Amino acid sequence: MKNSFSVKPFVVVEHVSMSFGDVAAVSDVSFDVPAGAIWGLVGSDGAGKSTLMRMIALMVKPQKGSITVEGFDVISGRGQVKERMGYMPQRFALYQDLTVEENMDFFLDIYGITGKDRAERKERYLDFTRLHPFKDRYAGNLSGGMKQKLGLACVLIHEPRLLVLDEPTNGVDPVSRREFWEMLGEMRDGGMTILVSTAYMDEGERCHHLGLMHRSRMLAVTTPETLRKDAPSLEDAIKKMIREADEDLVHGAFNL
C-alpha cells in the first residue's frame, strides 16, 4: 500500500495499562498512529486487542497511561475526541427489524444531521457502500458482508476523521472482505486515519504499520514488510515471534 501519510501522529498511546481483577488485559502499551495511515493490530486470541481498541474508542477508561486523538485526551477531552471518531466494534448494534435506510436514519438522528445535509449524506454512503439497491431490505435479512457494509455506513454518517474498527471482517466471506478493504483504501485516500484490528494476515499486509500483541503486551510496532523479514509469510513471522516470546517467559520464570 502506498505510504503517503503524514508523519504527524493522529493517535498517541503512552504506557497504557488495563486489568480486570488479577488479569492483565493491556500492559504498558505505547505506539503512535500517523495521520492518514491505516494502522493494523494483530495478535493471538486474548492478547488484549479489543480492550485496547475500546480504550481508544472511549468505551473504557485506561487505568494507567494516556491516549490522545489529534491532541485531545480521551478522558479530559472526551467531547472533542468523540466528534472526530467513528467506532465499529466486533458486534455492531444494527437493528435487525429496521431496513437499511431506517438504520441509517436512526444514526442520522443520533448525530442531529438534518435538512439537505442529511439527504446528501444518506445518498453518499448508500452509494459508497453499494447498498442503495438494498435500502428497503431489513437488516436481519442481509448477508454478513452486507451487514458489515451497513455498519460502516452508519459509522461514517457523521464523517469522522478517525475510524476505529475491531475485527470488522471476522467471519465474512473473502469477496466481501476484499470489497470492505477496498472501501477502507478509498477512505484513507480521502484523508481518513484508520485503526483496525484483524485476524487475517492478508489484511495485515494491507496496513502501513502493524502492532503485534501477545499476552497483553505489544511485541512489535513496525511495517508488515519489516515484521515479515525473511519468513515465508507474515503469519509465519508472527507465529515465530509469539513462540519466542512464550519461550522467554518460561525461561524467565525458571530463572527467578
C-alpha atoms as a PDB file:
ATOM      1  CA  MET A   1       0.000   0.000   0.000  1.00  0.00           C
ATOM      2  CA  LYS A   2       1.267   3.461  -0.882  1.00  0.00           C
ATOM      3  CA  ASN A   3       2.731   5.205   2.178  1.00  0.00           C
ATOM      4  CA  SER A   4       1.790   8.854   1.513  1.00  0.00           C
ATOM      5  CA  PHE A   5       0.577   9.740   5.012  1.00  0.00           C
ATOM      6  CA  SER A   6       1.666  12.472   7.373  1.00  0.00           C
ATOM      7  CA  VAL A   7       4.398  11.689   9.900  1.00  0.00           C
ATOM      8  CA  LYS A   8       2.456  13.709  12.481  1.00  0.00           C
ATOM      9  CA  PRO A   9       0.714  11.300  14.880  1.00  0.00           C
ATOM     10  CA  PHE A  10      -3.061  11.443  14.952  1.00  0.00           C
ATOM     11  CA  VAL A  11      -3.344   8.955  17.821  1.00  0.00           C
ATOM     12  CA  VAL A  12      -0.773   8.702  20.609  1.00  0.00           C
ATOM     13  CA  VAL A  13      -0.907   5.833  23.127  1.00  0.00           C
ATOM     14  CA  GLU A  14       1.559   6.155  26.014  1.00  0.00           C
ATOM     15  CA  HIS A  15       2.216   3.456  28.635  1.00  0.00           C
ATOM     16  CA  VAL A  16      -1.416   2.341  28.739  1.00  0.00           C
ATOM     17  CA  SER A  17      -2.490  -0.483  31.054  1.00  0.00           C
ATOM     18  CA  MET A  18      -5.796  -2.111  31.941  1.00  0.00           C
ATOM     19  CA  SER A  19      -6.563  -5.047  34.247  1.00  0.00           C
ATOM     20  CA  PHE A  20      -9.746  -6.877  35.130  1.00  0.00           C
ATOM     21  CA  GLY A  21      -9.239  -8.129  38.670  1.00  0.00           C
ATOM     22  CA  ASP A  22      -5.950 -10.003  38.699  1.00  0.00           C
ATOM     23  CA  VAL A  23      -5.933 -10.456  34.921  1.00  0.00           C
ATOM     24  CA  ALA A  24      -3.841  -8.007  32.903  1.00  0.00           C
ATOM     25  CA  ALA A  25      -5.579  -7.217  29.603  1.00  0.00           C
ATOM     26  CA  VAL A  26      -3.196  -4.480  28.402  1.00  0.00           C
ATOM     27  CA  SER A  27       0.259  -3.961  29.936  1.00  0.00           C
ATOM     28  CA  ASP A  28       2.301  -0.784  29.386  1.00  0.00           C
ATOM     29  CA  VAL A  29       1.470  -0.381  25.684  1.00  0.00           C
ATOM     30  CA  SER A  30       2.783   2.591  23.677  1.00  0.00           C
ATOM     31  CA  PHE A  31       2.555   3.485  19.971  1.00  0.00           C
ATOM     32  CA  ASP A  32       1.669   6.308  17.561  1.00  0.00           C
ATOM     33  CA  VAL A  33      -0.719   6.246  14.613  1.00  0.00           C
ATOM     34  CA  PRO A  34       0.367   8.701  11.873  1.00  0.00           C
ATOM     35  CA  ALA A  35      -2.335  10.885  10.364  1.00  0.00           C
ATOM     36  CA  GLY A  36      -3.652   9.405   7.127  1.00  0.00           C
ATOM     37  CA  ALA A  37      -2.348   5.890   7.788  1.00  0.00           C
ATOM     38  CA  ILE A  38      -4.020   2.501   8.045  1.00  0.00           C
ATOM     39  CA  TRP A  39      -2.606   1.101  11.293  1.00  0.00           C
ATOM     40  CA  GLY A  40      -3.306  -2.586  11.935  1.00  0.00           C
ATOM     41  CA  LEU A  41      -3.409  -4.514  15.190  1.00  0.00           C
ATOM     42  CA  VAL A  42      -2.810  -8.261  15.094  1.00  0.00           C
ATOM     43  CA  GLY A  43      -2.031 -10.945  17.657  1.00  0.00           C
ATOM     44  CA  SER A  44      -3.130 -14.038  19.489  1.00  0.00           C
ATOM     45  CA  ASP A  45      -6.635 -14.594  20.867  1.00  0.00           C
ATOM     46  CA  GLY A  46      -6.994 -12.980  24.274  1.00  0.00           C
ATOM     47  CA  ALA A  47      -3.962 -10.764  23.713  1.00  0.00           C
ATOM     48  CA  GLY A  48      -5.859  -7.627  24.728  1.00  0.00           C
ATOM     49  CA  LYS A  49      -6.539  -6.191  21.271  1.00  0.00           C
ATOM     50  CA  SER A  50     -10.248  -5.490  21.826  1.00  0.00           C
ATOM     51  CA  THR A  51      -9.613  -3.934  25.240  1.00  0.00           C
ATOM     52  CA  LEU A  52      -7.009  -1.634  23.713  1.00  0.00           C
ATOM     53  CA  MET A  53      -9.367  -0.662  20.881  1.00  0.00           C
ATOM     54  CA  ARG A  54     -12.171   0.026  23.356  1.00  0.00           C
ATOM     55  CA  MET A  55      -9.934   2.332  25.387  1.00  0.00           C
ATOM     56  CA  ILE A  56      -9.054   4.319  22.283  1.00  0.00           C
ATOM     57  CA  ALA A  57     -12.748   4.394  21.294  1.00  0.00           C
ATOM     58  CA  LEU A  58     -13.863   5.899  24.650  1.00  0.00           C
ATOM     59  CA  MET A  59     -15.650   2.741  25.792  1.00  0.00           C
ATOM     60  CA  VAL A  60     -13.248   2.015  28.686  1.00  0.00           C
ATOM     61  CA  LYS A  61     -11.026   4.436  30.622  1.00  0.00           C
ATOM     62  CA  PRO A  62      -7.339   3.489  30.821  1.00  0.00           C
ATOM     63  CA  GLN A  63      -6.260   2.661  34.379  1.00  0.00           C
ATOM     64  CA  LYS A  64      -2.737   3.859  33.646  1.00  0.00           C
ATOM     65  CA  GLY A  65      -1.136   5.889  30.893  1.00  0.00           C
ATOM     66  CA  SER A  66      -2.719   8.262  28.403  1.00  0.00           C
ATOM     67  CA  ILE A  67      -4.341   8.269  24.963  1.00  0.00           C
ATOM     68  CA  THR A  68      -4.753  11.343  22.797  1.00  0.00           C
ATOM     69  CA  VAL A  69      -6.570  11.807  19.491  1.00  0.00           C
ATOM     70  CA  GLU A  70      -5.397  14.816  17.472  1.00  0.00           C
ATOM     71  CA  GLY A  71      -4.011  16.241  20.715  1.00  0.00           C
ATOM     72  CA  PHE A  72      -7.167  15.730  22.801  1.00  0.00           C
ATOM     73  CA  ASP A  73      -7.042  13.373  25.782  1.00  0.00           C
ATOM     74  CA  VAL A  74      -9.663  10.606  25.694  1.00  0.00           C
ATOM     75  CA  ILE A  75     -10.696  11.407  29.271  1.00  0.00           C
ATOM     76  CA  SER A  76     -10.427  15.184  29.707  1.00  0.00           C
ATOM     77  CA  GLY A  77     -11.211  15.904  26.049  1.00  0.00           C
ATOM     78  CA  ARG A  78     -13.822  13.210  25.559  1.00  0.00           C
ATOM     79  CA  GLY A  79     -16.237  15.503  23.686  1.00  0.00           C
ATOM     80  CA  GLN A  80     -13.640  16.639  21.164  1.00  0.00           C
ATOM     81  CA  VAL A  81     -12.435  13.066  20.620  1.00  0.00           C
ATOM     82  CA  LYS A  82     -15.999  11.794  20.111  1.00  0.00           C
ATOM     83  CA  GLU A  83     -16.560  14.364  17.352  1.00  0.00           C
ATOM     84  CA  ARG A  84     -13.507  13.103  15.485  1.00  0.00           C
ATOM     85  CA  MET A  85     -14.039   9.359  15.847  1.00  0.00           C
ATOM     86  CA  GLY A  86     -16.163   6.603  14.397  1.00  0.00           C
ATOM     87  CA  TYR A  87     -16.076   3.228  16.182  1.00  0.00           C
ATOM     88  CA  MET A  88     -17.241  -0.127  14.864  1.00  0.00           C
ATOM     89  CA  PRO A  89     -16.983  -2.968  17.431  1.00  0.00           C
ATOM     90  CA  GLN A  90     -16.952  -6.671  16.567  1.00  0.00           C
ATOM     91  CA  ARG A  91     -20.710  -6.858  17.057  1.00  0.00           C
ATOM     92  CA  PHE A  92     -22.084  -3.625  15.705  1.00  0.00           C
ATOM     93  CA  ALA A  93     -25.545  -2.710  17.053  1.00  0.00           C
ATOM     94  CA  LEU A  94     -27.700  -2.793  13.930  1.00  0.00           C
ATOM     95  CA  TYR A  95     -31.456  -3.020  14.387  1.00  0.00           C
ATOM     96  CA  GLN A  96     -32.449  -6.239  12.668  1.00  0.00           C
ATOM     97  CA  ASP A  97     -36.129  -5.286  12.324  1.00  0.00           C
ATOM     98  CA  LEU A  98     -35.323  -1.966  10.626  1.00  0.00           C
ATOM     99  CA  THR A  99     -34.435  -1.573   6.963  1.00  0.00           C
ATOM    100  CA  VAL A 100     -31.055  -0.417   5.716  1.00  0.00           C
ATOM    101  CA  GLU A 101     -32.399   3.100   5.240  1.00  0.00           C
ATOM    102  CA  GLU A 102     -34.143   3.125   8.622  1.00  0.00           C
ATOM    103  CA  ASN A 103     -30.914   2.108  10.365  1.00  0.00           C
ATOM    104  CA  MET A 104     -29.127   4.978   8.656  1.00  0.00           C
ATOM    105  CA  ASP A 105     -31.938   7.356   9.627  1.00  0.00           C
ATOM    106  CA  PHE A 106     -31.527   6.271  13.240  1.00  0.00           C
ATOM    107  CA  PHE A 107     -27.837   7.242  13.252  1.00  0.00           C
ATOM    108  CA  LEU A 108     -28.560  10.470  11.406  1.00  0.00           C
ATOM    109  CA  ASP A 109     -30.990  11.294  14.226  1.00  0.00           C
ATOM    110  CA  ILE A 110     -28.386  10.460  16.888  1.00  0.00           C
ATOM    111  CA  TYR A 111     -25.910  12.885  15.328  1.00  0.00           C
ATOM    112  CA  GLY A 112     -28.564  15.547  14.751  1.00  0.00           C
ATOM    113  CA  ILE A 113     -27.986  15.724  10.999  1.00  0.00           C
ATOM    114  CA  THR A 114     -30.977  17.332   9.272  1.00  0.00           C
ATOM    115  CA  GLY A 115     -32.123  19.054   6.095  1.00  0.00           C
ATOM    116  CA  LYS A 116     -30.180  18.982   2.841  1.00  0.00           C
ATOM    117  CA  ASP A 117     -27.034  17.667   4.553  1.00  0.00           C
ATOM    118  CA  ARG A 118     -28.996  14.678   5.865  1.00  0.00           C
ATOM    119  CA  ALA A 119     -30.267  13.667   2.428  1.00  0.00           C
ATOM    120  CA  GLU A 120     -26.859  14.158   0.820  1.00  0.00           C
ATOM    121  CA  ARG A 121     -25.040  12.054   3.405  1.00  0.00           C
ATOM    122  CA  LYS A 122     -27.542   9.236   3.186  1.00  0.00           C
ATOM    123  CA  GLU A 123     -27.183   9.060  -0.589  1.00  0.00           C
ATOM    124  CA  ARG A 124     -23.393   9.388  -0.375  1.00  0.00           C
ATOM    125  CA  TYR A 125     -22.929   6.440   1.964  1.00  0.00           C
ATOM    126  CA  LEU A 126     -25.586   4.254   0.402  1.00  0.00           C
ATOM    127  CA  ASP A 127     -23.695   4.664  -2.867  1.00  0.00           C
ATOM    128  CA  PHE A 128     -20.265   4.309  -1.260  1.00  0.00           C
ATOM    129  CA  THR A 129     -21.169   1.006   0.401  1.00  0.00           C
ATOM    130  CA  ARG A 130     -23.117  -0.162  -2.665  1.00  0.00           C
ATOM    131  CA  LEU A 131     -26.217  -0.644  -0.527  1.00  0.00           C
ATOM    132  CA  HIS A 132     -28.536   1.637  -2.488  1.00  0.00           C
ATOM    133  CA  PRO A 133     -30.336  -1.283  -4.227  1.00  0.00           C
ATOM    134  CA  PHE A 134     -30.977  -2.832  -0.785  1.00  0.00           C
ATOM    135  CA  LYS A 135     -32.104   0.247   1.158  1.00  0.00           C
ATOM    136  CA  ASP A 136     -35.582  -1.229   1.758  1.00  0.00           C
ATOM    137  CA  ARG A 137     -34.293  -4.622   2.925  1.00  0.00           C
ATOM    138  CA  TYR A 138     -34.441  -5.454   6.634  1.00  0.00           C
ATOM    139  CA  ALA A 139     -31.023  -5.573   8.250  1.00  0.00           C
ATOM    140  CA  GLY A 140     -31.802  -9.017   9.629  1.00  0.00           C
ATOM    141  CA  ASN A 141     -32.111 -10.321   6.060  1.00  0.00           C
ATOM    142  CA  LEU A 142     -28.705  -9.051   4.917  1.00  0.00           C
ATOM    143  CA  SER A 143     -25.685 -11.275   4.384  1.00  0.00           C
ATOM    144  CA  GLY A 144     -22.760 -10.989   6.798  1.00  0.00           C
ATOM    145  CA  GLY A 145     -20.792  -8.874   4.355  1.00  0.00           C
ATOM    146  CA  MET A 146     -23.699  -6.534   3.701  1.00  0.00           C
ATOM    147  CA  LYS A 147     -24.308  -6.106   7.430  1.00  0.00           C
ATOM    148  CA  GLN A 148     -20.683  -5.001   7.824  1.00  0.00           C
ATOM    149  CA  LYS A 149     -21.106  -2.510   4.997  1.00  0.00           C
ATOM    150  CA  LEU A 150     -24.248  -1.145   6.638  1.00  0.00           C
ATOM    151  CA  GLY A 151     -22.402  -0.876   9.940  1.00  0.00           C
ATOM    152  CA  LEU A 152     -19.651   1.048   8.178  1.00  0.00           C
ATOM    153  CA  ALA A 153     -22.184   3.385   6.531  1.00  0.00           C
ATOM    154  CA  CYS A 154     -23.738   4.124   9.935  1.00  0.00           C
ATOM    155  CA  VAL A 155     -20.329   4.813  11.490  1.00  0.00           C
ATOM    156  CA  LEU A 156     -19.336   7.112   8.624  1.00  0.00           C
ATOM    157  CA  ILE A 157     -22.567   9.088   8.655  1.00  0.00           C
ATOM    158  CA  HIS A 158     -21.130  11.851  10.888  1.00  0.00           C
ATOM    159  CA  GLU A 159     -17.942  11.901   8.780  1.00  0.00           C
ATOM    160  CA  PRO A 160     -15.272  11.225  11.419  1.00  0.00           C
ATOM    161  CA  ARG A 161     -11.569  11.856  10.853  1.00  0.00           C
ATOM    162  CA  LEU A 162     -10.523   8.697  12.717  1.00  0.00           C
ATOM    163  CA  LEU A 163     -12.087   5.279  12.159  1.00  0.00           C
ATOM    164  CA  VAL A 164     -11.574   2.570  14.806  1.00  0.00           C
ATOM    165  CA  LEU A 165     -12.580  -0.916  13.629  1.00  0.00           C
ATOM    166  CA  ASP A 166     -12.365  -4.017  15.831  1.00  0.00           C
ATOM    167  CA  GLU A 167     -12.069  -7.078  13.563  1.00  0.00           C
ATOM    168  CA  PRO A 168     -14.719  -5.708  11.165  1.00  0.00           C
ATOM    169  CA  THR A 169     -14.486  -8.615   8.700  1.00  0.00           C
ATOM    170  CA  ASN A 170     -14.424 -11.504  11.187  1.00  0.00           C
ATOM    171  CA  GLY A 171     -16.458 -14.365   9.708  1.00  0.00           C
ATOM    172  CA  VAL A 172     -17.173 -12.519   6.454  1.00  0.00           C
ATOM    173  CA  ASP A 173     -16.665 -14.255   3.103  1.00  0.00           C
ATOM    174  CA  PRO A 174     -13.451 -13.481   1.128  1.00  0.00           C
ATOM    175  CA  VAL A 175     -15.165 -11.442  -1.600  1.00  0.00           C
ATOM    176  CA  SER A 176     -16.921  -9.206   0.937  1.00  0.00           C
ATOM    177  CA  ARG A 177     -13.673  -8.838   2.886  1.00  0.00           C
ATOM    178  CA  ARG A 178     -11.891  -7.642  -0.245  1.00  0.00           C
ATOM    179  CA  GLU A 179     -14.674  -5.166  -1.034  1.00  0.00           C
ATOM    180  CA  PHE A 180     -14.621  -3.883   2.552  1.00  0.00           C
ATOM    181  CA  TRP A 181     -10.882  -3.239   2.365  1.00  0.00           C
ATOM    182  CA  GLU A 182     -11.261  -1.513  -0.984  1.00  0.00           C
ATOM    183  CA  MET A 183     -13.622   0.907   0.780  1.00  0.00           C
ATOM    184  CA  LEU A 184     -11.099   1.411   3.596  1.00  0.00           C
ATOM    185  CA  GLY A 185      -8.470   2.233   0.988  1.00  0.00           C
ATOM    186  CA  GLU A 186     -10.760   4.815  -0.602  1.00  0.00           C
ATOM    187  CA  MET A 187     -11.439   6.429   2.777  1.00  0.00           C
ATOM    188  CA  ARG A 188      -7.751   6.530   3.577  1.00  0.00           C
ATOM    189  CA  ASP A 189      -7.054   8.119   0.189  1.00  0.00           C
ATOM    190  CA  GLY A 190      -9.592  10.775   1.183  1.00  0.00           C
ATOM    191  CA  GLY A 191      -7.520  11.655   4.249  1.00  0.00           C
ATOM    192  CA  MET A 192      -9.033   9.451   6.961  1.00  0.00           C
ATOM    193  CA  THR A 193      -6.866   7.811   9.628  1.00  0.00           C
ATOM    194  CA  ILE A 194      -7.841   4.179  10.231  1.00  0.00           C
ATOM    195  CA  LEU A 195      -7.019   1.953  13.199  1.00  0.00           C
ATOM    196  CA  VAL A 196      -8.141  -1.636  12.592  1.00  0.00           C
ATOM    197  CA  SER A 197      -7.631  -4.975  14.327  1.00  0.00           C
ATOM    198  CA  THR A 198      -7.771  -8.115  12.219  1.00  0.00           C
ATOM    199  CA  ALA A 199      -7.372 -11.874  12.467  1.00  0.00           C
ATOM    200  CA  TYR A 200      -6.486 -12.150   8.755  1.00  0.00           C
ATOM    201  CA  MET A 201      -2.866 -11.805   7.716  1.00  0.00           C
ATOM    202  CA  ASP A 202      -3.719 -10.800   4.140  1.00  0.00           C
ATOM    203  CA  GLU A 203      -5.447  -7.773   5.703  1.00  0.00           C
ATOM    204  CA  GLY A 204      -2.397  -7.129   7.850  1.00  0.00           C
ATOM    205  CA  GLU A 205      -0.351  -6.896   4.649  1.00  0.00           C
ATOM    206  CA  ARG A 206      -2.603  -4.023   3.521  1.00  0.00           C
ATOM    207  CA  CYS A 207      -1.691  -1.844   6.523  1.00  0.00           C
ATOM    208  CA  HIS A 208       1.056   0.786   6.599  1.00  0.00           C
ATOM    209  CA  HIS A 209       2.035  -0.191  10.152  1.00  0.00           C
ATOM    210  CA  LEU A 210       1.309  -3.225  12.317  1.00  0.00           C
ATOM    211  CA  GLY A 211       1.272  -3.681  16.056  1.00  0.00           C
ATOM    212  CA  LEU A 212       1.671  -7.265  17.284  1.00  0.00           C
ATOM    213  CA  MET A 213       0.117  -8.024  20.696  1.00  0.00           C
ATOM    214  CA  HIS A 214       0.512 -11.143  22.804  1.00  0.00           C
ATOM    215  CA  ARG A 215      -0.359 -11.775  26.447  1.00  0.00           C
ATOM    216  CA  SER A 216      -1.393  -8.135  26.988  1.00  0.00           C
ATOM    217  CA  ARG A 217       1.904  -6.708  25.690  1.00  0.00           C
ATOM    218  CA  MET A 218       2.979  -5.147  22.416  1.00  0.00           C
ATOM    219  CA  LEU A 219       5.746  -7.305  20.967  1.00  0.00           C
ATOM    220  CA  ALA A 220       6.451  -5.143  17.920  1.00  0.00           C
ATOM    221  CA  VAL A 221       5.332  -1.995  16.122  1.00  0.00           C
ATOM    222  CA  THR A 222       6.669  -1.838  12.587  1.00  0.00           C
ATOM    223  CA  THR A 223       5.748  -2.226   8.914  1.00  0.00           C
ATOM    224  CA  PRO A 224       4.365  -5.527   7.587  1.00  0.00           C
ATOM    225  CA  GLU A 225       7.492  -5.868   5.433  1.00  0.00           C
ATOM    226  CA  THR A 226       9.850  -5.465   8.384  1.00  0.00           C
ATOM    227  CA  LEU A 227       7.790  -7.780  10.580  1.00  0.00           C
ATOM    228  CA  ARG A 228       7.810 -10.438   7.885  1.00  0.00           C
ATOM    229  CA  LYS A 229      11.590 -10.122   7.265  1.00  0.00           C
ATOM    230  CA  ASP A 230      12.857 -13.342   5.665  1.00  0.00           C
ATOM    231  CA  ALA A 231       9.948 -15.516   6.805  1.00  0.00           C
ATOM    232  CA  PRO A 232       7.873 -17.335   4.175  1.00  0.00           C
ATOM    233  CA  SER A 233       4.817 -15.310   5.158  1.00  0.00           C
ATOM    234  CA  LEU A 234       3.596 -12.699   7.636  1.00  0.00           C
ATOM    235  CA  GLU A 235       1.718 -15.436   9.503  1.00  0.00           C
ATOM    236  CA  ASP A 236       4.904 -17.497   9.879  1.00  0.00           C
ATOM    237  CA  ALA A 237       6.805 -14.456  11.154  1.00  0.00           C
ATOM    238  CA  ILE A 238       4.116 -13.652  13.736  1.00  0.00           C
ATOM    239  CA  LYS A 239       3.928 -17.264  14.948  1.00  0.00           C
ATOM    240  CA  LYS A 240       7.714 -17.266  15.371  1.00  0.00           C
ATOM    241  CA  MET A 241       7.689 -14.047  17.419  1.00  0.00           C
ATOM    242  CA  ILE A 242       4.883 -15.306  19.649  1.00  0.00           C
ATOM    243  CA  ARG A 243       6.647 -18.637  20.168  1.00  0.00           C
ATOM    244  CA  GLU A 244       9.885 -16.863  21.107  1.00  0.00           C
ATOM    245  CA  ALA A 245       8.017 -14.556  23.500  1.00  0.00           C
ATOM    246  CA  ASP A 246       6.461 -17.561  25.244  1.00  0.00           C
ATOM    247  CA  GLU A 247       9.841 -19.302  25.479  1.00  0.00           C
ATOM    248  CA  ASP A 248      11.376 -16.175  27.052  1.00  0.00           C
ATOM    249  CA  LEU A 249       8.511 -16.072  29.544  1.00  0.00           C
ATOM    250  CA  VAL A 250       9.067 -19.704  30.553  1.00  0.00           C
ATOM    251  CA  HIS A 251      12.839 -19.270  30.852  1.00  0.00           C
ATOM    252  CA  GLY A 252      12.367 -16.131  32.911  1.00  0.00           C
ATOM    253  CA  ALA A 253      10.018 -17.959  35.281  1.00  0.00           C
ATOM    254  CA  PHE A 254      12.534 -20.747  35.843  1.00  0.00           C
ATOM    255  CA  ASN A 255      15.364 -18.259  36.419  1.00  0.00           C
ATOM    256  CA  LEU A 256      13.552 -16.404  39.221  1.00  0.00           C
END
